[in-house]
Amino acid sequence: MRYLRNVWYQAGWSSELDDGRHLGRTILGTNILMFRDEEGAPRAIVDRCPHRFAPLSAGKVEKGIVTCGYHGLAFDGSGRCVHNPHGRIGAISVGSFPIEDRHQALWIWMGDSQAADPGLIPDLGFIDATPETARITGHLPTGANYQLVVDNIMDLSHADYLHPTTLGGMFTGASTRVDTRGDRIIVEYQASACDPAPAFHSVVPPPLKADVRVEVQWFPAGVMVLAAGANPAGEKRDPGQDSLTLHSITPESDASSHYFYCSTRPFMTDDLALSATIKATLEKAFVAEDKPMLEKQQAQIGVADFWSLKPLLLPIDTGAVQVRRALEKRIEAEKRATVETSGRP
């Protein structure tokens, strides 16, 4: 599997490194150990001791130093060995990766470290602006290729069939528009005087009809922001009342992904009962419905190339296909640049 490497991927939630904890996670097929140094900044190194290849995550982290639990070699946040109880340190080291703590999330750069510009992290300031009581976060390991998971968000028409009791009901009949803005691809759905999905009942309770707008923005390679708003049919829409949800998909391997999500809302932010209801709705949709279907898709595809199977393409696939094509172009451009720089085919 080829990955886009010169881009920021979400590696976890900031809170996963709270209270001195460290975290081992596989990103783009590489085992990574994440922890905080003495100043509290996140660090990411290869999770494999160069001596006997034990996972460093099975050791301990104290004052920003990782000590292998097998033979006691110790490494700092740059990957440099700082203690060898059995002899000289010399040039002993492990690989390290740029990592940033932003928008309550950990972002890792798996490509050329010199190109790792934190300014390229998607602007997810809406997460920081939302009180914790109105933020619902999750991490869902999924046994499917990350592009299948991205397809799932870029084509929301599936919600009418896979999520009929939670998120669906209006997408198939909605007007749809696909747009490109810079490196982003946006899919917009609008439906008028429709029966609102159960997820909108807190703002448009039955039996009222609703005008609904949903927009999904894709940022390379797997970050998507979904804006959703509903109001009683015929009433003026207030975009400032849209709920915003991050869907952040990071490849683990060719056939598995990390699915991070964060749902936020600007209304009823202190209503813990509403947050509990939304949390249950999302878990039903994502965990009990999306995840099993995506994993069954992956089982059907196996190791075959997606396009080699000649998928039937429908109008509803426009956004997802544009994302796949855009990603392929960027991967090819990155590959060419690497070859030109290295001088090797």
Foldseek 3Di string as FASTA:
>chain_A
DFAQFQAKAFPWFLCCQPPFAKDWAFFANFIWIWYAALVRWIAIWGQFAPPPGHGLNVFHADRQWGFRPPQGFIAHRQQQTDDDPPDDRPRGGTHTWDWGHPLRTIITGRDDRVSNDPVRDDDPCVSVVAPPLFKDKDKDKFQAALLLVLLCVLQVQCCVPLVVQFQDDFQVPWDWDWDDDPQKIKIKTWDAQTCGHPNCCVAPNPPFGKIKMWMWIDDPPFKIKIWIDIHGGPDDDDSLFTKIKIWGWTDRYRGMIMTMMMIGGPPPSNPNVSSVVVNVSVCCRVVVGVRVVNNVVCVVCPPPDPCVVVDDDDPSSVRSVVSVVSRVVSSVVVVVVVCVVVVHD
